[in-house]
Amino acid sequence: MSTEPKFAESLSPTISRFVLEELPLAVYDPNQPRRTRVPVASFAIEFLEKDEIDGRLLACAAGPVVLDTPQGPWENHLRLYIPIEQDGPSYCIGNPQDIRAAYVVITDEEAGTCKETAALANT
């Protein structure tokens, strides 16, 4: 994995805008099989790297996200794996259907362990 300055400059605003405006995120509740889409209030990219797997370019982005729920703001840490395409010197998001998203939940801060939970809405 690597992060090139042009990669980050080209893709960071695109990923942020996509998360804020298009990505169907939901609040994770293990007791509810249905996850209804809620608006994204904010997302900040703290980590962005490019990887190539089986000839496909992927961006891994992560950072804090705040969802605007009826009960008030809901904060978590979002990790995304996004297919990307290179168009000359710039990058764009590939097929949005191939995006994987998960919330990273720390289970033991001392040991540094965490788990991933579902982030995408399914209704």
N, C-alpha and C. Protein backbone atom coordinates (compact mmCIF):
# COMPACT_ATOMS: atom_id res chain seq x y z
N MET A 1 0.84 -1.18 0.00
CA MET A 1 0.00 0.00 0.00
C MET A 1 0.88 1.24 0.00
N SER A 2 0.39 2.28 -0.64
CA SER A 2 1.13 3.53 -0.65
C SER A 2 0.16 4.70 -0.76
N THR A 3 0.65 5.85 -0.37
CA THR A 3 -0.13 7.06 -0.53
C THR A 3 0.72 8.06 -1.27
N GLU A 4 0.32 8.39 -2.48
CA GLU A 4 1.00 9.39 -3.27
C GLU A 4 0.29 10.72 -3.03
N PRO A 5 1.04 11.83 -2.99
CA PRO A 5 0.38 13.13 -2.78
C PRO A 5 -0.72 13.41 -3.80
N LYS A 6 -0.46 13.10 -5.08
CA LYS A 6 -1.47 13.35 -6.11
C LYS A 6 -2.71 12.48 -5.90
N PHE A 7 -2.49 11.27 -5.42
CA PHE A 7 -3.59 10.36 -5.13
C PHE A 7 -4.49 10.96 -4.06
N ALA A 8 -3.89 11.38 -2.94
CA ALA A 8 -4.66 11.95 -1.84
C ALA A 8 -5.34 13.24 -2.26
N GLU A 9 -4.63 14.11 -2.96
CA GLU A 9 -5.21 15.38 -3.41
C GLU A 9 -6.39 15.16 -4.34
N SER A 10 -6.27 14.18 -5.22
CA SER A 10 -7.30 13.92 -6.20
C SER A 10 -8.52 13.24 -5.60
N LEU A 11 -8.29 12.31 -4.69
CA LEU A 11 -9.38 11.46 -4.23
C LEU A 11 -10.02 11.86 -2.91
N SER A 12 -9.29 12.51 -2.01
CA SER A 12 -9.87 12.87 -0.70
C SER A 12 -11.17 13.65 -0.81
N PRO A 13 -11.22 14.73 -1.59
CA PRO A 13 -12.48 15.48 -1.69
C PRO A 13 -13.61 14.64 -2.31
N THR A 14 -13.26 13.79 -3.27
CA THR A 14 -14.26 12.95 -3.92
C THR A 14 -14.84 11.95 -2.94
N ILE A 15 -13.99 11.30 -2.16
CA ILE A 15 -14.46 10.32 -1.17
C ILE A 15 -15.31 11.01 -0.11
N SER A 16 -14.84 12.14 0.40
CA SER A 16 -15.60 12.86 1.42
C SER A 16 -16.98 13.24 0.91
N ARG A 17 -17.05 13.79 -0.28
CA ARG A 17 -18.33 14.19 -0.88
C ARG A 17 -19.24 12.98 -1.08
N PHE A 18 -18.66 11.86 -1.54
CA PHE A 18 -19.45 10.65 -1.76
C PHE A 18 -20.05 10.15 -0.45
N VAL A 19 -19.25 10.12 0.63
CA VAL A 19 -19.75 9.67 1.93
C VAL A 19 -20.86 10.59 2.42
N LEU A 20 -20.66 11.89 2.30
CA LEU A 20 -21.64 12.86 2.79
C LEU A 20 -22.94 12.85 1.98
N GLU A 21 -22.86 12.63 0.68
CA GLU A 21 -24.03 12.80 -0.18
C GLU A 21 -24.65 11.52 -0.72
N GLU A 22 -23.87 10.45 -0.85
CA GLU A 22 -24.40 9.29 -1.56
C GLU A 22 -24.32 7.96 -0.81
N LEU A 23 -23.31 7.76 0.01
CA LEU A 23 -23.12 6.46 0.65
C LEU A 23 -24.26 6.17 1.63
N PRO A 24 -24.98 5.06 1.46
CA PRO A 24 -26.12 4.76 2.34
C PRO A 24 -25.68 4.16 3.67
N LEU A 25 -25.35 5.02 4.63
CA LEU A 25 -24.92 4.55 5.94
C LEU A 25 -26.10 4.43 6.90
N ALA A 26 -25.94 3.54 7.87
CA ALA A 26 -26.98 3.29 8.87
C ALA A 26 -26.33 3.11 10.23
N VAL A 27 -27.13 3.25 11.28
CA VAL A 27 -26.67 2.96 12.63
C VAL A 27 -26.65 1.46 12.81
N TYR A 28 -25.55 0.92 13.33
CA TYR A 28 -25.48 -0.52 13.57
C TYR A 28 -26.12 -0.84 14.92
N ASP A 29 -27.05 -1.78 14.90
CA ASP A 29 -27.68 -2.29 16.12
C ASP A 29 -27.77 -3.81 15.96
N PRO A 30 -27.02 -4.58 16.76
CA PRO A 30 -27.01 -6.04 16.60
C PRO A 30 -28.38 -6.68 16.83
N ASN A 31 -29.29 -5.95 17.45
CA ASN A 31 -30.63 -6.49 17.71
C ASN A 31 -31.62 -6.20 16.59
N GLN A 32 -31.19 -5.42 15.59
CA GLN A 32 -32.07 -5.07 14.48
C GLN A 32 -31.46 -5.55 13.16
N PRO A 33 -32.12 -6.49 12.48
CA PRO A 33 -31.57 -6.95 11.20
C PRO A 33 -31.67 -5.89 10.10
N ARG A 34 -32.63 -4.98 10.22
CA ARG A 34 -32.78 -3.93 9.21
C ARG A 34 -32.02 -2.69 9.64
N ARG A 35 -31.26 -2.17 8.70
CA ARG A 35 -30.49 -0.96 8.95
C ARG A 35 -30.99 0.11 7.97
N THR A 36 -31.70 1.09 8.49
CA THR A 36 -32.28 2.14 7.67
C THR A 36 -31.29 3.28 7.48
N ARG A 37 -31.22 3.76 6.25
CA ARG A 37 -30.29 4.85 5.92
C ARG A 37 -30.63 6.11 6.72
N VAL A 38 -29.57 6.76 7.20
CA VAL A 38 -29.70 8.04 7.88
C VAL A 38 -28.70 9.03 7.27
N PRO A 39 -28.99 10.33 7.36
CA PRO A 39 -28.07 11.32 6.78
C PRO A 39 -26.72 11.33 7.50
N VAL A 40 -25.69 11.62 6.73
CA VAL A 40 -24.34 11.76 7.28
C VAL A 40 -24.11 13.24 7.56
N ALA A 41 -23.82 13.56 8.81
CA ALA A 41 -23.57 14.95 9.20
C ALA A 41 -22.13 15.36 8.90
N SER A 42 -21.18 14.45 9.13
CA SER A 42 -19.78 14.79 8.86
C SER A 42 -18.94 13.52 8.70
N PHE A 43 -17.85 13.67 7.95
CA PHE A 43 -16.88 12.60 7.78
C PHE A 43 -15.53 13.25 7.54
N ALA A 44 -14.52 12.81 8.28
CA ALA A 44 -13.17 13.35 8.12
C ALA A 44 -12.21 12.20 7.83
N ILE A 45 -11.49 12.30 6.74
CA ILE A 45 -10.53 11.26 6.38
C ILE A 45 -9.25 11.47 7.19
N GLU A 46 -8.92 10.47 8.00
CA GLU A 46 -7.68 10.50 8.78
C GLU A 46 -6.63 9.57 8.19
N PHE A 47 -7.07 8.64 7.36
CA PHE A 47 -6.18 7.62 6.78
C PHE A 47 -6.64 7.37 5.36
N LEU A 48 -5.71 7.41 4.40
CA LEU A 48 -6.05 7.14 3.01
C LEU A 48 -4.85 6.49 2.34
N GLU A 49 -5.05 5.28 1.83
CA GLU A 49 -3.99 4.57 1.12
C GLU A 49 -4.55 3.93 -0.14
N LYS A 50 -3.65 3.70 -1.08
CA LYS A 50 -4.01 3.04 -2.34
C LYS A 50 -3.41 1.65 -2.34
N ASP A 51 -4.16 0.69 -2.86
CA ASP A 51 -3.69 -0.69 -2.94
C ASP A 51 -4.13 -1.25 -4.29
N GLU A 52 -3.42 -2.26 -4.75
CA GLU A 52 -3.82 -2.96 -5.97
C GLU A 52 -3.97 -4.43 -5.64
N ILE A 53 -5.17 -4.95 -5.88
CA ILE A 53 -5.47 -6.36 -5.61
C ILE A 53 -6.05 -6.97 -6.88
N ASP A 54 -5.40 -8.02 -7.35
CA ASP A 54 -5.83 -8.71 -8.57
C ASP A 54 -6.02 -7.74 -9.74
N GLY A 55 -5.12 -6.78 -9.85
CA GLY A 55 -5.18 -5.83 -10.96
C GLY A 55 -6.18 -4.70 -10.79
N ARG A 56 -6.88 -4.67 -9.67
CA ARG A 56 -7.87 -3.61 -9.41
C ARG A 56 -7.30 -2.63 -8.40
N LEU A 57 -7.50 -1.35 -8.66
CA LEU A 57 -7.08 -0.33 -7.71
C LEU A 57 -8.15 -0.13 -6.65
N LEU A 58 -7.72 -0.08 -5.40
CA LEU A 58 -8.62 0.17 -4.27
C LEU A 58 -8.06 1.30 -3.43
N ALA A 59 -8.97 2.08 -2.86
CA ALA A 59 -8.59 3.07 -1.86
C ALA A 59 -9.12 2.57 -0.53
N CYS A 60 -8.29 2.65 0.49
CA CYS A 60 -8.74 2.36 1.86
C CYS A 60 -8.74 3.71 2.57
N ALA A 61 -9.93 4.12 3.02
CA ALA A 61 -10.07 5.39 3.72
C ALA A 61 -10.72 5.13 5.06
N ALA A 62 -10.32 5.89 6.06
CA ALA A 62 -10.90 5.72 7.39
C ALA A 62 -10.89 7.05 8.13
N GLY A 63 -11.86 7.18 9.02
CA GLY A 63 -11.93 8.37 9.85
C GLY A 63 -13.25 8.45 10.59
N PRO A 64 -13.38 9.46 11.45
CA PRO A 64 -14.61 9.61 12.23
C PRO A 64 -15.77 10.05 11.35
N VAL A 65 -16.93 9.48 11.65
CA VAL A 65 -18.16 9.83 10.94
C VAL A 65 -19.24 10.13 11.98
N VAL A 66 -20.10 11.09 11.66
CA VAL A 66 -21.23 11.42 12.52
C VAL A 66 -22.49 11.31 11.68
N LEU A 67 -23.43 10.47 12.16
CA LEU A 67 -24.71 10.32 11.49
C LEU A 67 -25.75 11.16 12.22
N ASP A 68 -26.68 11.73 11.46
CA ASP A 68 -27.73 12.57 12.02
C ASP A 68 -28.98 11.71 12.21
N THR A 69 -29.12 11.13 13.40
CA THR A 69 -30.25 10.23 13.67
C THR A 69 -31.37 10.99 14.38
N PRO A 70 -32.58 10.44 14.39
CA PRO A 70 -33.69 11.07 15.12
C PRO A 70 -33.38 11.24 16.61
N GLN A 71 -32.52 10.38 17.16
CA GLN A 71 -32.15 10.46 18.58
C GLN A 71 -31.00 11.44 18.83
N GLY A 72 -30.46 12.00 17.79
CA GLY A 72 -29.33 12.92 17.90
C GLY A 72 -28.11 12.38 17.18
N PRO A 73 -26.99 13.09 17.26
CA PRO A 73 -25.77 12.66 16.56
C PRO A 73 -25.29 11.30 17.06
N TRP A 74 -24.85 10.47 16.11
CA TRP A 74 -24.31 9.14 16.42
C TRP A 74 -22.92 9.09 15.81
N GLU A 75 -21.90 8.94 16.65
CA GLU A 75 -20.51 8.98 16.19
C GLU A 75 -19.89 7.59 16.17
N ASN A 76 -19.04 7.36 15.18
CA ASN A 76 -18.31 6.11 15.09
C ASN A 76 -17.10 6.33 14.21
N HIS A 77 -16.32 5.28 14.00
CA HIS A 77 -15.14 5.34 13.14
C HIS A 77 -15.44 4.47 11.91
N LEU A 78 -15.37 5.07 10.73
CA LEU A 78 -15.74 4.40 9.49
C LEU A 78 -14.50 3.98 8.72
N ARG A 79 -14.52 2.75 8.21
CA ARG A 79 -13.46 2.26 7.32
C ARG A 79 -14.11 1.89 6.00
N LEU A 80 -13.53 2.36 4.90
CA LEU A 80 -14.06 2.12 3.56
C LEU A 80 -13.02 1.47 2.67
N TYR A 81 -13.48 0.57 1.82
CA TYR A 81 -12.67 0.01 0.74
C TYR A 81 -13.40 0.36 -0.54
N ILE A 82 -12.77 1.20 -1.36
CA ILE A 82 -13.44 1.80 -2.50
C ILE A 82 -12.70 1.46 -3.78
N PRO A 83 -13.40 0.88 -4.78
CA PRO A 83 -12.75 0.67 -6.07
C PRO A 83 -12.51 2.03 -6.73
N ILE A 84 -11.33 2.21 -7.28
CA ILE A 84 -11.00 3.49 -7.92
C ILE A 84 -10.48 3.24 -9.33
N GLU A 85 -10.61 4.27 -10.14
CA GLU A 85 -10.11 4.23 -11.51
C GLU A 85 -9.22 5.45 -11.71
N GLN A 86 -8.16 5.24 -12.46
CA GLN A 86 -7.25 6.34 -12.75
C GLN A 86 -7.60 6.90 -14.11
N ASP A 87 -7.73 8.23 -14.17
CA ASP A 87 -8.03 8.92 -15.41
C ASP A 87 -6.93 9.97 -15.61
N GLY A 88 -5.86 9.56 -16.27
CA GLY A 88 -4.71 10.44 -16.41
C GLY A 88 -4.07 10.66 -15.04
N PRO A 89 -3.89 11.91 -14.65
CA PRO A 89 -3.26 12.19 -13.35
C PRO A 89 -4.24 12.14 -12.18
N SER A 90 -5.53 12.00 -12.46
CA SER A 90 -6.51 12.03 -11.37
C SER A 90 -7.18 10.67 -11.18
N TYR A 91 -7.89 10.54 -10.06
CA TYR A 91 -8.57 9.31 -9.70
C TYR A 91 -10.05 9.60 -9.47
N CYS A 92 -10.88 8.59 -9.72
CA CYS A 92 -12.31 8.72 -9.44
C CYS A 92 -12.80 7.40 -8.86
N ILE A 93 -13.98 7.46 -8.25
CA ILE A 93 -14.58 6.26 -7.66
C ILE A 93 -15.10 5.37 -8.78
N GLY A 94 -14.79 4.07 -8.66
CA GLY A 94 -15.28 3.09 -9.63
C GLY A 94 -16.74 2.75 -9.34
N ASN A 95 -17.09 1.49 -9.46
CA ASN A 95 -18.47 1.05 -9.25
C ASN A 95 -18.86 1.19 -7.77
N PRO A 96 -19.82 2.07 -7.45
CA PRO A 96 -20.24 2.26 -6.06
C PRO A 96 -20.82 0.99 -5.42
N GLN A 97 -21.32 0.06 -6.24
CA GLN A 97 -21.88 -1.18 -5.71
C GLN A 97 -20.80 -2.07 -5.09
N ASP A 98 -19.54 -1.82 -5.44
CA ASP A 98 -18.43 -2.63 -4.92
C ASP A 98 -17.77 -2.04 -3.67
N ILE A 99 -18.30 -0.94 -3.16
CA ILE A 99 -17.73 -0.32 -1.96
C ILE A 99 -18.08 -1.17 -0.74
N ARG A 100 -17.08 -1.40 0.09
CA ARG A 100 -17.31 -2.07 1.38
C ARG A 100 -17.09 -1.04 2.48
N ALA A 101 -17.98 -1.07 3.46
CA ALA A 101 -17.89 -0.11 4.56
C ALA A 101 -18.18 -0.82 5.87
N ALA A 102 -17.43 -0.45 6.90
CA ALA A 102 -17.63 -1.04 8.23
C ALA A 102 -17.28 0.00 9.29
N TYR A 103 -17.94 -0.14 10.44
CA TYR A 103 -17.57 0.66 11.60
C TYR A 103 -16.53 -0.13 12.37
N VAL A 104 -15.51 0.55 12.85
CA VAL A 104 -14.48 -0.08 13.66
C VAL A 104 -14.78 0.26 15.12
N VAL A 105 -15.01 -0.79 15.90
CA VAL A 105 -15.38 -0.63 17.31
C VAL A 105 -14.27 -1.22 18.17
N ILE A 106 -13.70 -0.41 19.04
CA ILE A 106 -12.64 -0.90 19.94
C ILE A 106 -13.28 -1.76 21.02
N THR A 107 -12.78 -2.99 21.15
CA THR A 107 -13.33 -3.90 22.16
C THR A 107 -12.49 -3.94 23.43
N ASP A 108 -11.20 -3.65 23.31
CA ASP A 108 -10.31 -3.61 24.47
C ASP A 108 -9.20 -2.62 24.18
N GLU A 109 -9.30 -1.45 24.77
CA GLU A 109 -8.33 -0.40 24.47
C GLU A 109 -6.92 -0.77 24.91
N GLU A 110 -6.78 -1.41 26.07
CA GLU A 110 -5.45 -1.80 26.55
C GLU A 110 -4.77 -2.79 25.62
N ALA A 111 -5.53 -3.77 25.16
CA ALA A 111 -4.97 -4.79 24.26
C ALA A 111 -4.94 -4.30 22.81
N GLY A 112 -5.68 -3.23 22.52
CA GLY A 112 -5.72 -2.71 21.16
C GLY A 112 -6.55 -3.55 20.21
N THR A 113 -7.54 -4.26 20.74
CA THR A 113 -8.37 -5.10 19.88
C THR A 113 -9.63 -4.35 19.45
N CYS A 114 -10.12 -4.72 18.28
CA CYS A 114 -11.32 -4.10 17.77
C CYS A 114 -12.09 -5.10 16.92
N LYS A 115 -13.31 -4.72 16.56
CA LYS A 115 -14.12 -5.54 15.66
C LYS A 115 -14.75 -4.61 14.65
N GLU A 116 -15.18 -5.17 13.53
CA GLU A 116 -15.88 -4.40 12.52
C GLU A 116 -17.35 -4.77 12.55
N THR A 117 -18.21 -3.76 12.38
CA THR A 117 -19.64 -4.00 12.32
C THR A 117 -20.19 -3.40 11.03
N ALA A 118 -21.36 -3.86 10.64
CA ALA A 118 -21.97 -3.41 9.39
C ALA A 118 -22.24 -1.91 9.42
N ALA A 119 -21.97 -1.24 8.30
CA ALA A 119 -22.19 0.20 8.22
C ALA A 119 -23.21 0.57 7.16
N LEU A 120 -23.34 -0.23 6.12
CA LEU A 120 -24.24 0.12 5.02
C LEU A 120 -25.69 -0.19 5.36
N ALA A 121 -26.57 0.70 4.92
CA ALA A 121 -28.00 0.48 5.10
C ALA A 121 -28.44 -0.69 4.21
N ASN A 122 -29.44 -1.43 4.66
CA ASN A 122 -29.93 -2.54 3.86
C ASN A 122 -31.43 -2.43 3.60
N THR A 123 -32.01 -1.28 3.91
CA THR A 123 -33.43 -1.06 3.60
C THR A 123 -33.62 0.25 2.90
